[in-house]
């Protein structure tokens, strides 16, 4: 049972990205981003991946 959200999943939710959909559709990229996120400050991660985060947000937008 995986009710606990990781810090990366919480970050994605904060960026209006559906983490489950992203993980399901692009598991390799999700894992790569999750590993990078664990190694740096969230602001550094955002600065480094801003273009890709915006693209991913459009593809996997979190429905409220």
PDB file of N, CA and C in Angstrom:
ATOM      1  N   UNK A   1       0.844  -1.180   0.000  1.00  0.00           N
ATOM      2  CA  UNK A   1       0.000   0.000   0.000  1.00  0.00           C
ATOM      3  C   UNK A   1       0.885   1.238   0.000  1.00  0.00           C
ATOM      4  N   UNK A   2       0.611   2.161  -0.921  1.00  0.00           N
ATOM      5  CA  UNK A   2       1.478   3.328  -1.068  1.00  0.00           C
ATOM      6  C   UNK A   2       0.657   4.606  -0.880  1.00  0.00           C
ATOM      7  N   UNK A   3       0.231   4.847   0.359  1.00  0.00           N
ATOM      8  CA  UNK A   3      -0.537   6.047   0.665  1.00  0.00           C
ATOM      9  C   UNK A   3       0.371   7.240   0.924  1.00  0.00           C
ATOM     10  N   UNK A   4       1.597   6.972   1.323  1.00  0.00           N
ATOM     11  CA  UNK A   4       2.537   8.037   1.654  1.00  0.00           C
ATOM     12  C   UNK A   4       3.118   8.604   0.353  1.00  0.00           C
ATOM     13  N   UNK A   5       2.995   9.919   0.208  1.00  0.00           N
ATOM     14  CA  UNK A   5       3.571  10.569  -0.962  1.00  0.00           C
ATOM     15  C   UNK A   5       5.028  10.912  -0.680  1.00  0.00           C
ATOM     16  N   UNK A   6       5.870  10.713  -1.677  1.00  0.00           N
ATOM     17  CA  UNK A   6       7.266  11.099  -1.535  1.00  0.00           C
ATOM     18  C   UNK A   6       7.379  12.615  -1.618  1.00  0.00           C
ATOM     19  N   UNK A   7       8.534  13.140  -1.222  1.00  0.00           N
ATOM     20  CA  UNK A   7       8.781  14.578  -1.346  1.00  0.00           C
ATOM     21  C   UNK A   7       8.670  15.017  -2.802  1.00  0.00           C
ATOM     22  N   UNK A   8       9.136  14.164  -3.709  1.00  0.00           N
ATOM     23  CA  UNK A   8       9.070  14.488  -5.127  1.00  0.00           C
ATOM     24  C   UNK A   8       7.620  14.560  -5.598  1.00  0.00           C
ATOM     25  N   UNK A   9       6.798  13.630  -5.153  1.00  0.00           N
ATOM     26  CA  UNK A   9       5.382  13.651  -5.529  1.00  0.00           C
ATOM     27  C   UNK A   9       4.690  14.898  -4.972  1.00  0.00           C
ATOM     28  N   UNK A  10       5.027  15.282  -3.756  1.00  0.00           N
ATOM     29  CA  UNK A  10       4.477  16.512  -3.176  1.00  0.00           C
ATOM     30  C   UNK A  10       4.922  17.728  -3.983  1.00  0.00           C
ATOM     31  N   UNK A  11       6.173  17.708  -4.415  1.00  0.00           N
ATOM     32  CA  UNK A  11       6.703  18.786  -5.253  1.00  0.00           C
ATOM     33  C   UNK A  11       5.902  18.890  -6.552  1.00  0.00           C
ATOM     34  N   UNK A  12       5.662  17.739  -7.195  1.00  0.00           N
ATOM     35  CA  UNK A  12       4.905  17.732  -8.445  1.00  0.00           C
ATOM     36  C   UNK A  12       3.494  18.273  -8.238  1.00  0.00           C
ATOM     37  N   UNK A  13       2.852  17.882  -7.158  1.00  0.00           N
ATOM     38  CA  UNK A  13       1.510  18.380  -6.847  1.00  0.00           C
ATOM     39  C   UNK A  13       1.555  19.900  -6.692  1.00  0.00           C
ATOM     40  N   UNK A  14       2.588  20.385  -6.030  1.00  0.00           N
ATOM     41  CA  UNK A  14       2.762  21.825  -5.874  1.00  0.00           C
ATOM     42  C   UNK A  14       2.968  22.547  -7.196  1.00  0.00           C
ATOM     43  N   UNK A  15       3.464  21.829  -8.186  1.00  0.00           N
ATOM     44  CA  UNK A  15       3.660  22.394  -9.524  1.00  0.00           C
ATOM     45  C   UNK A  15       2.461  22.100 -10.431  1.00  0.00           C
ATOM     46  N   UNK A  16       1.380  21.610  -9.849  1.00  0.00           N
ATOM     47  CA  UNK A  16       0.135  21.323 -10.568  1.00  0.00           C
ATOM     48  C   UNK A  16       0.311  20.194 -11.596  1.00  0.00           C
ATOM     49  N   UNK A  17       1.142  19.203 -11.221  1.00  0.00           N
ATOM     50  CA  UNK A  17       1.395  18.030 -12.068  1.00  0.00           C
ATOM     51  C   UNK A  17       0.851  16.801 -11.342  1.00  0.00           C
ATOM     52  N   UNK A  18       0.135  15.951 -12.063  1.00  0.00           N
ATOM     53  CA  UNK A  18      -0.397  14.714 -11.509  1.00  0.00           C
ATOM     54  C   UNK A  18       0.735  13.680 -11.441  1.00  0.00           C
ATOM     55  N   UNK A  19       1.254  13.385 -10.238  1.00  0.00           N
ATOM     56  CA  UNK A  19       2.408  12.479 -10.150  1.00  0.00           C
ATOM     57  C   UNK A  19       2.092  11.052 -10.590  1.00  0.00           C
ATOM     58  N   UNK A  20       0.885  10.563 -10.303  1.00  0.00           N
ATOM     59  CA  UNK A  20       0.536   9.191 -10.691  1.00  0.00           C
ATOM     60  C   UNK A  20       0.484   9.045 -12.213  1.00  0.00           C
ATOM     61  N   UNK A  21      -0.116  10.012 -12.878  1.00  0.00           N
ATOM     62  CA  UNK A  21      -0.210   9.966 -14.335  1.00  0.00           C
ATOM     63  C   UNK A  21       1.175  10.088 -14.974  1.00  0.00           C
ATOM     64  N   UNK A  22       1.989  11.001 -14.457  1.00  0.00           N
ATOM     65  CA  UNK A  22       3.358  11.173 -14.956  1.00  0.00           C
ATOM     66  C   UNK A  22       4.146   9.877 -14.792  1.00  0.00           C
ATOM     67  N   UNK A  23       4.055   9.269 -13.620  1.00  0.00           N
ATOM     68  CA  UNK A  23       4.787   8.026 -13.336  1.00  0.00           C
ATOM     69  C   UNK A  23       4.314   6.889 -14.240  1.00  0.00           C
ATOM     70  N   UNK A  24       3.017   6.831 -14.482  1.00  0.00           N
ATOM     71  CA  UNK A  24       2.430   5.776 -15.309  1.00  0.00           C
ATOM     72  C   UNK A  24       2.823   5.921 -16.786  1.00  0.00           C
ATOM     73  N   UNK A  25       2.797   7.153 -17.294  1.00  0.00           N
ATOM     74  CA  UNK A  25       3.044   7.387 -18.719  1.00  0.00           C
ATOM     75  C   UNK A  25       4.529   7.479 -19.078  1.00  0.00           C
ATOM     76  N   UNK A  26       5.358   7.964 -18.150  1.00  0.00           N
ATOM     77  CA  UNK A  26       6.795   8.132 -18.418  1.00  0.00           C
ATOM     78  C   UNK A  26       7.617   7.654 -17.222  1.00  0.00           C
ATOM     79  N   UNK A  27       7.592   6.345 -16.956  1.00  0.00           N
ATOM     80  CA  UNK A  27       8.275   5.850 -15.750  1.00  0.00           C
ATOM     81  C   UNK A  27       9.779   6.118 -15.712  1.00  0.00           C
ATOM     82  N   UNK A  28      10.446   6.051 -16.850  1.00  0.00           N
ATOM     83  CA  UNK A  28      11.899   6.281 -16.872  1.00  0.00           C
ATOM     84  C   UNK A  28      12.221   7.736 -16.523  1.00  0.00           C
ATOM     85  N   UNK A  29      11.492   8.679 -17.121  1.00  0.00           N
ATOM     86  CA  UNK A  29      11.738  10.093 -16.835  1.00  0.00           C
ATOM     87  C   UNK A  29      11.355  10.411 -15.390  1.00  0.00           C
ATOM     88  N   UNK A  30      10.266   9.833 -14.923  1.00  0.00           N
ATOM     89  CA  UNK A  30       9.843  10.059 -13.544  1.00  0.00           C
ATOM     90  C   UNK A  30      10.942   9.617 -12.580  1.00  0.00           C
ATOM     91  N   UNK A  31      11.476   8.426 -12.804  1.00  0.00           N
ATOM     92  CA  UNK A  31      12.524   7.899 -11.925  1.00  0.00           C
ATOM     93  C   UNK A  31      13.788   8.769 -11.992  1.00  0.00           C
ATOM     94  N   UNK A  32      14.166   9.187 -13.188  1.00  0.00           N
ATOM     95  CA  UNK A  32      15.338  10.053 -13.355  1.00  0.00           C
ATOM     96  C   UNK A  32      15.145  11.363 -12.588  1.00  0.00           C
ATOM     97  N   UNK A  33      13.985  11.989 -12.761  1.00  0.00           N
ATOM     98  CA  UNK A  33      13.707  13.245 -12.082  1.00  0.00           C
ATOM     99  C   UNK A  33      13.661  13.046 -10.569  1.00  0.00           C
ATOM    100  N   UNK A  34      13.064  11.948 -10.126  1.00  0.00           N
ATOM    101  CA  UNK A  34      12.963  11.671  -8.691  1.00  0.00           C
ATOM    102  C   UNK A  34      14.350  11.532  -8.066  1.00  0.00           C
ATOM    103  N   UNK A  35      15.251  10.852  -8.768  1.00  0.00           N
ATOM    104  CA  UNK A  35      16.615  10.677  -8.263  1.00  0.00           C
ATOM    105  C   UNK A  35      17.363  12.007  -8.236  1.00  0.00           C
ATOM    106  N   UNK A  36      17.223  12.808  -9.275  1.00  0.00           N
ATOM    107  CA  UNK A  36      17.867  14.125  -9.303  1.00  0.00           C
ATOM    108  C   UNK A  36      17.304  15.027  -8.203  1.00  0.00           C
ATOM    109  N   UNK A  37      15.997  14.991  -8.018  1.00  0.00           N
ATOM    110  CA  UNK A  37      15.333  15.817  -7.015  1.00  0.00           C
ATOM    111  C   UNK A  37      15.879  15.501  -5.616  1.00  0.00           C
ATOM    112  N   UNK A  38      16.152  14.233  -5.360  1.00  0.00           N
ATOM    113  CA  UNK A  38      16.659  13.803  -4.048  1.00  0.00           C
ATOM    114  C   UNK A  38      18.068  14.329  -3.787  1.00  0.00           C
ATOM    115  N   UNK A  39      18.785  14.712  -4.844  1.00  0.00           N
ATOM    116  CA  UNK A  39      20.173  15.126  -4.702  1.00  0.00           C
ATOM    117  C   UNK A  39      20.362  16.638  -4.642  1.00  0.00           C
ATOM    118  N   UNK A  40      19.282  17.404  -4.826  1.00  0.00           N
ATOM    119  CA  UNK A  40      19.448  18.861  -4.854  1.00  0.00           C
ATOM    120  C   UNK A  40      18.271  19.567  -4.206  1.00  0.00           C
ATOM    121  N   UNK A  41      18.450  20.838  -3.983  1.00  0.00           N
ATOM    122  CA  UNK A  41      17.401  21.678  -3.410  1.00  0.00           C
ATOM    123  C   UNK A  41      16.276  21.813  -4.442  1.00  0.00           C
ATOM    124  N   UNK A  42      15.007  21.843  -3.999  1.00  0.00           N
ATOM    125  CA  UNK A  42      13.899  21.984  -4.952  1.00  0.00           C
ATOM    126  C   UNK A  42      14.023  23.189  -5.883  1.00  0.00           C
ATOM    127  N   UNK A  43      14.533  24.316  -5.387  1.00  0.00           N
ATOM    128  CA  UNK A  43      14.685  25.496  -6.243  1.00  0.00           C
ATOM    129  C   UNK A  43      15.731  25.254  -7.330  1.00  0.00           C
ATOM    130  N   UNK A  44      16.787  24.545  -6.997  1.00  0.00           N
ATOM    131  CA  UNK A  44      17.809  24.207  -7.991  1.00  0.00           C
ATOM    132  C   UNK A  44      17.239  23.258  -9.042  1.00  0.00           C
ATOM    133  N   UNK A  45      16.455  22.290  -8.584  1.00  0.00           N
ATOM    134  CA  UNK A  45      15.819  21.347  -9.501  1.00  0.00           C
ATOM    135  C   UNK A  45      14.890  22.102 -10.461  1.00  0.00           C
ATOM    136  N   UNK A  46      14.089  23.010  -9.914  1.00  0.00           N
ATOM    137  CA  UNK A  46      13.165  23.802 -10.739  1.00  0.00           C
ATOM    138  C   UNK A  46      13.930  24.626 -11.766  1.00  0.00           C
ATOM    139  N   UNK A  47      15.000  25.272 -11.335  1.00  0.00           N
ATOM    140  CA  UNK A  47      15.792  26.096 -12.250  1.00  0.00           C
ATOM    141  C   UNK A  47      16.397  25.246 -13.367  1.00  0.00           C
ATOM    142  N   UNK A  48      16.851  24.055 -13.019  1.00  0.00           N
ATOM    143  CA  UNK A  48      17.504  23.183 -13.995  1.00  0.00           C
ATOM    144  C   UNK A  48      16.505  22.578 -14.983  1.00  0.00           C
ATOM    145  N   UNK A  49      15.301  22.286 -14.526  1.00  0.00           N
ATOM    146  CA  UNK A  49      14.324  21.552 -15.339  1.00  0.00           C
ATOM    147  C   UNK A  49      13.092  22.375 -15.699  1.00  0.00           C
ATOM    148  N   UNK A  50      13.167  23.695 -15.597  1.00  0.00           N
ATOM    149  CA  UNK A  50      11.990  24.539 -15.774  1.00  0.00           C
ATOM    150  C   UNK A  50      11.265  24.281 -17.090  1.00  0.00           C
ATOM    151  N   UNK A  51      11.991  24.245 -18.178  1.00  0.00           N
ATOM    152  CA  UNK A  51      11.359  24.022 -19.483  1.00  0.00           C
ATOM    153  C   UNK A  51      10.620  22.679 -19.492  1.00  0.00           C
ATOM    154  N   UNK A  52      11.260  21.648 -18.992  1.00  0.00           N
ATOM    155  CA  UNK A  52      10.641  20.317 -18.987  1.00  0.00           C
ATOM    156  C   UNK A  52       9.471  20.250 -18.008  1.00  0.00           C
ATOM    157  N   UNK A  53       9.597  20.915 -16.872  1.00  0.00           N
ATOM    158  CA  UNK A  53       8.492  20.922 -15.902  1.00  0.00           C
ATOM    159  C   UNK A  53       7.254  21.553 -16.530  1.00  0.00           C
ATOM    160  N   UNK A  54       7.423  22.641 -17.237  1.00  0.00           N
ATOM    161  CA  UNK A  54       6.282  23.294 -17.881  1.00  0.00           C
ATOM    162  C   UNK A  54       5.649  22.392 -18.936  1.00  0.00           C
ATOM    163  N   UNK A  55       6.469  21.701 -19.689  1.00  0.00           N
ATOM    164  CA  UNK A  55       5.971  20.767 -20.705  1.00  0.00           C
ATOM    165  C   UNK A  55       5.208  19.615 -20.040  1.00  0.00           C
ATOM    166  N   UNK A  56       5.770  19.072 -18.974  1.00  0.00           N
ATOM    167  CA  UNK A  56       5.130  17.970 -18.253  1.00  0.00           C
ATOM    168  C   UNK A  56       3.824  18.435 -17.624  1.00  0.00           C
ATOM    169  N   UNK A  57       3.802  19.654 -17.108  1.00  0.00           N
ATOM    170  CA  UNK A  57       2.574  20.199 -16.512  1.00  0.00           C
ATOM    171  C   UNK A  57       1.444  20.233 -17.536  1.00  0.00           C
ATOM    172  N   UNK A  58       1.765  20.625 -18.752  1.00  0.00           N
ATOM    173  CA  UNK A  58       0.737  20.679 -19.799  1.00  0.00           C
ATOM    174  C   UNK A  58       0.234  19.275 -20.147  1.00  0.00           C
ATOM    175  N   UNK A  59       1.109  18.289 -20.082  1.00  0.00           N
ATOM    176  CA  UNK A  59       0.733  16.922 -20.454  1.00  0.00           C
ATOM    177  C   UNK A  59      -0.028  16.210 -19.321  1.00  0.00           C
ATOM    178  N   UNK A  60       0.363  16.459 -18.077  1.00  0.00           N
ATOM    179  CA  UNK A  60      -0.182  15.717 -16.931  1.00  0.00           C
ATOM    180  C   UNK A  60      -0.733  16.663 -15.876  1.00  0.00           C
ATOM    181  N   UNK A  61      -1.538  17.627 -16.303  1.00  0.00           N
ATOM    182  CA  UNK A  61      -2.054  18.632 -15.384  1.00  0.00           C
ATOM    183  C   UNK A  61      -2.921  18.002 -14.311  1.00  0.00           C
ATOM    184  N   UNK A  62      -2.705  18.452 -13.107  1.00  0.00           N
ATOM    185  CA  UNK A  62      -3.469  17.976 -11.956  1.00  0.00           C
ATOM    186  C   UNK A  62      -4.859  18.570 -12.015  1.00  0.00           C
ATOM    187  N   UNK A  63      -5.876  17.705 -11.999  1.00  0.00           N
ATOM    188  CA  UNK A  63      -7.265  18.162 -12.015  1.00  0.00           C
ATOM    189  C   UNK A  63      -7.721  18.396 -10.591  1.00  0.00           C
ATOM    190  N   UNK A  64      -8.264  19.576 -10.337  1.00  0.00           N
ATOM    191  CA  UNK A  64      -8.697  19.897  -8.964  1.00  0.00           C
ATOM    192  C   UNK A  64     -10.183  19.788  -8.820  1.00  0.00           C
TER     193      UNK A  64
END
